[in-house]
Amino acid sequence: MSAKMNLIACLIAALLLGCAVPTMADEAVDKAFDALKTYDWGTDRNVLKPLDDAVAASHGDAAARAALAKQLAAVLGTDATQAAKDYACRKLSLIASAAEVPAIAPLLTDDKLSHMARYALERMPCDEAVAAMRDALPTVKGRVKVGVINSLAVRRDAASTGALVALLKDSDAQVAGAAASALGDVGSSEAAKALSGFVAAAPDSLKLVAADAYLTCAERLVAAGKKLEALAIYKALNKPEQPKHVQNAAKRGMLAAMSAKK
């Protein structure tokens, strides 16, 4: 039997058995995944275009998205290049689910890949994604720790409040400042209480950061309908010891809070 007849016979058998018949698109995606294993910056980017197209085409197809996400996540646990893992994280930010969090989370402690891991996790709406960043907080330091704090701020993770409050006393001023800003973004009553103390006790290098965080917290409280708590913050910041621009912001905040609908 000729090769052509063999191929036809295989296709017929697949159809009769209800199996999916590989398409040219499937083959292109498989080749792109093979190329991804050794992909590096400077390599022809077009070799990954079938993956770009497949991710875009998976919108509305849960099964296709899950299959692609699983394959992309698998790349993260290999000795693939940094560029390949960077690419995988970018695509996972679009299609990953809680199932991929365990593959992404270990990268949070990697100096070279922590940023891209956070890029993916920040954009994933599942609770598992933010929990992974919260859990990583005690295990990282320096700029990586600041990055994780910033991501928790983006997610406004109230469950991180206790850890962030503790970091206000960190010996690394950048970490302490990032924690204050994150508490401002969380914008809860508990965060406001912690920032109140921080504004009063912050070292000179962090006083503006503290005031800005407190102002942000007040804005969040107004949006949450807690106008009285917000007004208390604005009044506390409208004091002579605060820089003029902070006082002006506090005055504007008071007017906005008083005019806000209940």
Protein backbone atom coordinates (compact mmCIF):
# COMPACT_ATOMS: atom_id res chain seq x y z
CA MET A 1 0.00 0.00 0.00
CA SER A 2 1.37 3.44 -0.95
CA ALA A 3 2.17 6.10 1.63
CA LYS A 4 -0.75 8.13 0.33
CA MET A 5 -3.15 5.21 0.78
CA ASN A 6 -1.77 4.65 4.30
CA LEU A 7 -2.48 8.26 5.20
CA ILE A 8 -6.02 8.08 3.83
CA ALA A 9 -6.64 4.84 5.72
CA CYS A 10 -5.40 6.41 8.96
CA LEU A 11 -7.63 9.43 8.50
CA ILE A 12 -10.67 7.28 7.79
CA ALA A 13 -9.94 5.16 10.85
CA ALA A 14 -9.60 8.25 13.00
CA LEU A 15 -12.92 9.58 11.78
CA LEU A 16 -14.68 6.26 12.33
CA LEU A 17 -13.32 6.04 15.87
CA GLY A 18 -14.34 9.60 16.62
CA CYS A 19 -10.75 10.76 17.07
CA ALA A 20 -9.65 14.28 16.27
CA VAL A 21 -7.80 14.51 13.00
CA PRO A 22 -4.61 16.58 13.23
CA THR A 23 -4.77 19.73 11.16
CA MET A 24 -2.05 21.81 9.61
CA ALA A 25 -2.67 24.37 12.37
CA ASP A 26 -2.13 21.69 15.04
CA GLU A 27 1.13 20.66 13.39
CA ALA A 28 2.27 24.29 13.23
CA VAL A 29 1.57 24.74 16.94
CA ASP A 30 3.50 21.57 17.76
CA LYS A 31 6.46 22.84 15.76
CA ALA A 32 6.23 26.20 17.52
CA PHE A 33 6.36 24.48 20.90
CA ASP A 34 9.44 22.59 19.75
CA ALA A 35 11.00 25.87 18.65
CA LEU A 36 10.13 27.45 22.00
CA LYS A 37 12.37 24.95 23.82
CA THR A 38 15.47 26.62 22.37
CA TYR A 39 14.04 30.05 21.57
CA ASP A 40 16.21 32.98 22.64
CA TRP A 41 16.25 36.71 22.12
CA GLY A 42 17.58 37.45 18.66
CA THR A 43 15.98 34.32 17.23
CA ASP A 44 13.42 34.77 14.45
CA ARG A 45 10.25 35.68 16.36
CA ASN A 46 8.08 34.30 13.56
CA VAL A 47 8.77 30.73 14.71
CA LEU A 48 6.39 31.42 17.61
CA LYS A 49 3.62 33.01 15.54
CA PRO A 50 1.53 29.81 15.43
CA LEU A 51 1.45 29.95 19.25
CA ASP A 52 0.41 33.60 19.18
CA ASP A 53 -2.38 32.71 16.77
CA ALA A 54 -3.47 29.68 18.78
CA VAL A 55 -3.72 31.69 21.99
CA ALA A 56 -5.76 34.37 20.22
CA ALA A 57 -8.00 31.76 18.59
CA SER A 58 -8.63 30.00 21.92
CA HIS A 59 -10.81 32.86 23.15
CA GLY A 60 -14.18 31.32 23.93
CA ASP A 61 -12.84 27.75 23.69
CA ALA A 62 -12.17 26.61 27.25
CA ALA A 63 -10.73 23.26 26.22
CA ALA A 64 -8.26 24.80 23.78
CA ARG A 65 -7.20 27.42 26.33
CA ALA A 66 -6.64 24.79 28.99
CA ALA A 67 -4.56 22.63 26.66
CA LEU A 68 -2.38 25.54 25.57
CA ALA A 69 -1.96 26.82 29.13
CA LYS A 70 -0.88 23.38 30.31
CA GLN A 71 1.79 23.15 27.60
CA LEU A 72 3.05 26.66 28.23
CA ALA A 73 3.24 26.05 31.97
CA ALA A 74 5.24 22.90 31.37
CA VAL A 75 7.96 24.99 29.71
CA LEU A 76 8.56 26.82 33.01
CA GLY A 77 9.78 23.68 34.73
CA THR A 78 12.38 22.85 32.10
CA ASP A 79 15.86 24.14 31.31
CA ALA A 80 14.41 26.35 28.57
CA THR A 81 15.99 29.76 28.07
CA GLN A 82 14.96 32.83 30.01
CA ALA A 83 13.51 34.21 26.80
CA ALA A 84 11.34 31.11 26.37
CA LYS A 85 10.04 31.31 29.93
CA ASP A 86 9.45 35.03 29.52
CA TYR A 87 7.34 34.29 26.46
CA ALA A 88 5.45 31.51 28.25
CA CYS A 89 4.60 33.83 31.16
CA ARG A 90 3.33 36.51 28.78
CA LYS A 91 0.97 34.06 27.12
CA LEU A 92 -0.06 32.51 30.43
CA SER A 93 -1.10 35.96 31.62
CA LEU A 94 -3.80 35.75 28.94
CA ILE A 95 -5.06 32.19 29.27
CA ALA A 96 -3.84 30.60 32.52
CA SER A 97 -6.14 29.37 35.27
CA ALA A 98 -5.58 28.21 38.84
CA ALA A 99 -4.23 24.96 37.41
CA GLU A 100 -1.09 26.76 36.17
CA VAL A 101 -0.34 28.66 39.39
CA PRO A 102 1.89 25.89 40.85
CA ALA A 103 4.09 26.07 37.75
CA ILE A 104 4.38 29.86 37.81
CA ALA A 105 4.79 30.42 41.56
CA PRO A 106 8.36 29.03 41.89
CA LEU A 107 9.59 31.73 39.50
CA LEU A 108 8.65 34.43 42.01
CA THR A 109 11.91 33.85 43.87
CA ASP A 110 14.02 33.88 40.70
CA ASP A 111 15.82 37.22 40.27
CA LYS A 112 15.63 36.98 36.49
CA LEU A 113 12.08 35.70 36.14
CA SER A 114 10.22 37.05 39.17
CA HIS A 115 8.98 40.04 37.21
CA MET A 116 7.44 37.90 34.50
CA ALA A 117 5.91 35.51 37.02
CA ARG A 118 4.24 38.48 38.67
CA TYR A 119 3.19 39.79 35.27
CA ALA A 120 1.27 36.58 34.72
CA LEU A 121 -0.13 36.19 38.23
CA GLU A 122 -1.29 39.80 38.53
CA ARG A 123 -3.53 39.33 35.51
CA MET A 124 -5.03 36.02 36.54
CA PRO A 125 -8.36 36.64 38.30
CA CYS A 126 -8.24 33.50 40.46
CA ASP A 127 -7.58 33.71 44.21
CA GLU A 128 -4.79 31.15 43.87
CA ALA A 129 -2.71 33.61 41.85
CA VAL A 130 -2.71 36.33 44.49
CA ALA A 131 -2.24 33.74 47.25
CA ALA A 132 0.95 32.54 45.54
CA MET A 133 2.36 36.07 45.62
CA ARG A 134 1.32 36.52 49.22
CA ASP A 135 2.98 33.26 50.20
CA ALA A 136 6.19 34.28 48.44
CA LEU A 137 6.50 37.54 50.39
CA PRO A 138 8.48 36.12 53.35
CA THR A 139 10.87 34.23 51.06
CA VAL A 140 12.14 37.13 48.93
CA LYS A 141 14.14 40.26 49.61
CA GLY A 142 15.39 43.47 48.06
CA ARG A 143 13.98 44.54 44.72
CA VAL A 144 12.22 41.20 44.26
CA LYS A 145 10.37 41.73 47.53
CA VAL A 146 9.44 45.25 46.46
CA GLY A 147 8.10 43.79 43.21
CA VAL A 148 5.93 41.24 45.00
CA ILE A 149 4.59 43.97 47.31
CA ASN A 150 3.75 46.11 44.29
CA SER A 151 1.85 43.22 42.72
CA LEU A 152 -0.16 42.70 45.90
CA ALA A 153 -0.94 46.42 45.74
CA VAL A 154 -2.21 46.03 42.18
CA ARG A 155 -4.51 43.26 43.38
CA ARG A 156 -5.47 45.29 46.49
CA ASP A 157 -5.08 42.12 48.52
CA ALA A 158 -6.66 42.74 51.91
CA ALA A 159 -5.45 39.34 53.13
CA SER A 160 -1.88 40.68 52.94
CA THR A 161 -2.61 43.57 55.30
CA GLY A 162 -0.96 41.98 58.34
CA ALA A 163 2.22 41.16 56.45
CA LEU A 164 2.35 44.63 54.91
CA VAL A 165 1.89 46.32 58.27
CA ALA A 166 4.84 44.34 59.63
CA LEU A 167 6.97 45.47 56.68
CA LEU A 168 6.46 49.13 57.57
CA LYS A 169 9.28 48.56 60.08
CA ASP A 170 11.58 46.86 57.58
CA SER A 171 15.19 48.07 57.62
CA ASP A 172 15.09 48.39 53.82
CA ALA A 173 13.50 51.78 53.16
CA GLN A 174 12.31 50.69 49.70
CA VAL A 175 10.50 47.71 51.19
CA ALA A 176 8.90 49.84 53.92
CA GLY A 177 7.85 52.46 51.39
CA ALA A 178 6.38 49.85 49.05
CA ALA A 179 4.45 48.33 51.96
CA ALA A 180 3.00 51.74 52.85
CA SER A 181 1.94 52.37 49.26
CA ALA A 182 0.38 48.92 49.06
CA LEU A 183 -1.63 49.55 52.22
CA GLY A 184 -2.89 52.74 50.64
CA ASP A 185 -4.10 50.75 47.66
CA VAL A 186 -5.74 48.14 49.89
CA GLY A 187 -7.67 51.06 51.32
CA SER A 188 -9.37 49.29 54.23
CA SER A 189 -10.09 50.55 57.73
CA GLU A 190 -7.31 48.31 59.05
CA ALA A 191 -4.86 49.69 56.49
CA ALA A 192 -5.86 53.25 57.42
CA LYS A 193 -5.16 52.57 61.08
CA ALA A 194 -1.67 51.26 60.29
CA LEU A 195 -0.90 54.18 58.00
CA SER A 196 -2.01 56.65 60.65
CA GLY A 197 0.76 55.41 62.90
CA PHE A 198 3.24 55.26 60.04
CA VAL A 199 2.61 58.87 59.01
CA ALA A 200 3.45 59.95 62.53
CA ALA A 201 6.55 57.76 62.93
CA ALA A 202 7.98 57.50 59.41
CA PRO A 203 11.61 58.57 58.95
CA ASP A 204 12.17 61.76 56.98
CA SER A 205 13.02 59.78 53.84
CA LEU A 206 9.57 58.16 53.87
CA LYS A 207 7.33 60.96 55.13
CA LEU A 208 6.08 61.89 51.65
CA VAL A 209 5.54 58.25 50.76
CA ALA A 210 3.55 57.83 53.96
CA ALA A 211 1.40 60.89 53.25
CA ASP A 212 0.74 59.83 49.66
CA ALA A 213 -0.25 56.34 50.81
CA TYR A 214 -2.58 57.82 53.41
CA LEU A 215 -4.20 60.03 50.76
CA THR A 216 -4.70 57.02 48.49
CA CYS A 217 -6.24 55.10 51.35
CA ALA A 218 -8.69 57.94 51.93
CA GLU A 219 -9.70 57.86 48.26
CA ARG A 220 -10.35 54.13 48.50
CA LEU A 221 -12.44 54.63 51.62
CA VAL A 222 -14.55 57.30 49.92
CA ALA A 223 -15.15 54.92 47.01
CA ALA A 224 -16.20 52.25 49.52
CA GLY A 225 -18.72 54.62 51.10
CA LYS A 226 -16.70 55.18 54.29
CA LYS A 227 -16.72 58.96 54.09
CA LEU A 228 -16.27 59.64 57.79
CA GLU A 229 -13.10 57.56 57.92
CA ALA A 230 -11.80 59.31 54.83
CA LEU A 231 -12.57 62.74 56.26
CA ALA A 232 -10.62 61.88 59.39
CA ILE A 233 -7.58 61.10 57.21
CA TYR A 234 -7.90 64.29 55.20
CA LYS A 235 -8.16 66.36 58.38
CA ALA A 236 -5.09 64.65 59.81
CA LEU A 237 -3.10 65.52 56.68
CA ASN A 238 -4.33 69.10 56.47
CA LYS A 239 -1.83 70.20 59.08
CA PRO A 240 1.03 72.75 59.00
CA GLU A 241 3.67 70.05 59.41
CA GLN A 242 2.67 68.53 56.10
CA PRO A 243 4.05 69.91 52.79
CA LYS A 244 1.78 72.41 51.05
CA HIS A 245 0.86 70.05 48.23
CA VAL A 246 -0.23 67.40 50.76
CA GLN A 247 -2.38 69.96 52.57
CA ASN A 248 -3.93 71.04 49.28
CA ALA A 249 -4.64 67.43 48.33
CA ALA A 250 -6.24 66.87 51.72
CA LYS A 251 -8.49 69.92 51.27
CA ARG A 252 -9.58 68.74 47.84
CA GLY A 253 -10.20 65.30 49.30
CA MET A 254 -12.43 66.73 52.01
CA LEU A 255 -14.53 68.56 49.47
CA ALA A 256 -14.81 65.44 47.31
CA ALA A 257 -15.72 63.27 50.29
CA MET A 258 -18.40 65.67 51.48
CA SER A 259 -19.95 65.90 48.01
CA ALA A 260 -19.80 62.16 47.33
CA LYS A 261 -23.09 60.31 47.20
CA LYS A 262 -23.89 57.97 50.05
